[in-house]
């Protein structure tokens, strides 16, 4: 089975799931889980949260973790599980990426899905002012 996890510093991971559910419906994100860390969380606390969550999954489950920042503590903690689980980590979470994950088809091979998520995240980072300038000042793009 395919599992999704959002992970962030502070409440972003839960808030982004709430926003995605508002846009695409709660059903698409009902199977998602989130982990949030705060400054006072020790490494052991974070690892314990991950262990607790992963203990609910079958060892053969494919897990796609979408994290807020590459190099951040939660991403670094999750990387320790790559050799232990079928875990794929996509860092640089944004709402279009999470929406794409929630609306994805489980029949899509996991490697293809992860590449699609990465592309979606990149494609949605735009400087709107330049787009308006390219459209001769029209506000609608």
Protein backbone atom coordinates (compact mmCIF):
# COMPACT_ATOMS: atom_id res chain seq x y z
CA UNK A 1 0.00 0.00 0.00
CA UNK A 2 1.17 3.55 -0.65
CA UNK A 3 1.37 5.93 2.30
CA UNK A 4 1.90 9.69 2.38
CA UNK A 5 3.45 11.79 5.09
CA UNK A 6 3.96 15.54 5.34
CA UNK A 7 6.66 16.68 7.74
CA UNK A 8 7.69 20.17 8.77
CA UNK A 9 9.06 22.55 11.31
CA UNK A 10 6.04 23.96 13.10
CA UNK A 11 2.43 23.52 11.99
CA UNK A 12 2.99 23.70 8.21
CA UNK A 13 2.63 19.96 7.62
CA UNK A 14 -0.84 19.82 9.15
CA UNK A 15 -1.93 23.18 7.75
CA UNK A 16 -0.98 22.24 4.20
CA UNK A 17 -3.09 19.09 4.46
CA UNK A 18 -6.02 21.18 5.68
CA UNK A 19 -5.59 23.55 2.73
CA UNK A 20 -5.31 20.68 0.26
CA UNK A 21 -8.46 19.09 1.72
CA UNK A 22 -10.30 22.38 1.35
CA UNK A 23 -9.40 22.53 -2.34
CA UNK A 24 -9.67 18.87 -3.39
CA UNK A 25 -11.83 17.34 -0.67
CA UNK A 26 -11.00 15.49 2.53
CA UNK A 27 -11.31 12.07 0.92
CA UNK A 28 -8.17 12.60 -1.18
CA UNK A 29 -6.08 13.28 1.95
CA UNK A 30 -7.71 11.00 4.52
CA UNK A 31 -4.79 8.59 4.39
CA UNK A 32 -2.13 11.26 4.80
CA UNK A 33 -0.32 11.69 8.10
CA UNK A 34 1.79 14.58 9.32
CA UNK A 35 4.67 15.11 11.68
CA UNK A 36 5.62 18.52 13.07
CA UNK A 37 8.73 19.36 15.02
CA UNK A 38 9.47 22.35 17.21
CA UNK A 39 12.74 23.81 18.48
CA UNK A 40 12.52 22.09 21.85
CA UNK A 41 12.09 18.61 20.33
CA UNK A 42 15.11 16.41 20.90
CA UNK A 43 16.41 14.11 18.19
CA UNK A 44 15.10 11.19 20.25
CA UNK A 45 11.63 12.76 20.39
CA UNK A 46 11.55 13.22 16.62
CA UNK A 47 12.81 9.69 15.97
CA UNK A 48 10.20 8.37 18.41
CA UNK A 49 7.41 10.10 16.47
CA UNK A 50 8.67 8.62 13.22
CA UNK A 51 9.01 5.16 14.78
CA UNK A 52 5.48 5.37 16.18
CA UNK A 53 4.02 6.38 12.81
CA UNK A 54 5.98 3.81 10.81
CA UNK A 55 5.00 1.05 13.25
CA UNK A 56 1.43 1.50 11.98
CA UNK A 57 2.53 0.64 8.44
CA UNK A 58 3.27 -2.72 6.92
CA UNK A 59 7.00 -3.18 6.20
CA UNK A 60 6.17 -3.51 2.48
CA UNK A 61 4.24 -0.22 2.32
CA UNK A 62 5.70 2.44 0.04
CA UNK A 63 6.01 5.69 1.98
CA UNK A 64 6.33 9.06 0.31
CA UNK A 65 7.40 11.73 2.77
CA UNK A 66 7.00 15.34 1.67
CA UNK A 67 9.12 17.61 3.85
CA UNK A 68 9.44 21.36 4.16
CA UNK A 69 13.19 21.95 3.82
CA UNK A 70 16.07 19.94 2.44
CA UNK A 71 18.70 19.76 5.16
CA UNK A 72 16.17 20.46 7.92
CA UNK A 73 16.04 18.33 11.05
CA UNK A 74 12.89 16.43 10.09
CA UNK A 75 14.20 15.65 6.60
CA UNK A 76 17.52 14.55 8.05
CA UNK A 77 15.77 12.32 10.60
CA UNK A 78 13.65 10.69 7.90
CA UNK A 79 16.70 9.96 5.72
CA UNK A 80 17.85 7.51 8.38
CA UNK A 81 14.88 5.30 7.45
CA UNK A 82 15.56 5.11 3.71
CA UNK A 83 17.57 1.91 4.07
CA UNK A 84 15.02 0.44 6.51
CA UNK A 85 11.73 1.16 4.71
CA UNK A 86 10.47 1.70 1.18
CA UNK A 87 10.75 5.42 1.83
CA UNK A 88 10.96 8.20 -0.73
CA UNK A 89 11.54 11.76 0.46
CA UNK A 90 10.60 14.86 -1.53
CA UNK A 91 11.90 18.04 0.12
CA UNK A 92 10.53 21.51 -0.63
CA UNK A 93 6.86 21.01 0.19
CA UNK A 94 4.31 23.32 -1.40
CA UNK A 95 0.56 23.13 -1.87
CA UNK A 96 0.53 22.13 -5.57
CA UNK A 97 2.93 19.28 -4.81
CA UNK A 98 0.73 18.02 -1.96
CA UNK A 99 -2.39 18.32 -4.14
CA UNK A 100 -0.68 16.28 -6.86
CA UNK A 101 0.18 13.59 -4.30
CA UNK A 102 -3.36 13.44 -2.95
CA UNK A 103 -4.90 13.18 -6.39
CA UNK A 104 -2.38 10.64 -7.69
CA UNK A 105 -3.28 7.19 -8.93
CA UNK A 106 -1.88 4.36 -6.81
CA UNK A 107 -1.18 2.40 -10.00
CA UNK A 108 1.49 4.95 -10.98
CA UNK A 109 4.91 3.50 -10.19
CA UNK A 110 6.35 5.20 -7.12
CA UNK A 111 9.50 6.44 -8.87
CA UNK A 112 7.39 8.05 -11.60
CA UNK A 113 5.08 9.63 -9.03
CA UNK A 114 8.00 11.07 -7.07
CA UNK A 115 9.44 12.61 -10.26
CA UNK A 116 5.99 14.05 -11.08
CA UNK A 117 5.72 15.54 -7.59
CA UNK A 118 9.13 17.14 -7.93
CA UNK A 119 8.24 18.61 -11.33
CA UNK A 120 4.89 19.92 -10.06
CA UNK A 121 6.57 21.62 -7.12
CA UNK A 122 9.08 23.33 -9.42
CA UNK A 123 6.56 24.32 -12.08
CA UNK A 124 4.39 26.16 -9.59
CA UNK A 125 7.12 28.52 -8.42
CA UNK A 126 6.56 31.59 -10.56
CA UNK A 127 7.29 35.29 -10.44
CA UNK A 128 3.85 36.64 -11.31
CA UNK A 129 5.06 40.20 -12.03
CA UNK A 130 7.19 38.91 -14.91
CA UNK A 131 4.24 36.98 -16.28
CA UNK A 132 2.10 40.13 -16.21
CA UNK A 133 4.87 42.10 -17.92
CA UNK A 134 5.05 39.43 -20.62
CA UNK A 135 1.30 39.81 -21.15
CA UNK A 136 1.65 43.57 -21.69
CA UNK A 137 0.43 44.54 -18.25
CA UNK A 138 -2.81 42.57 -18.27
CA UNK A 139 -3.65 41.49 -14.73
CA UNK A 140 -5.06 38.15 -15.83
CA UNK A 141 -2.53 35.55 -16.80
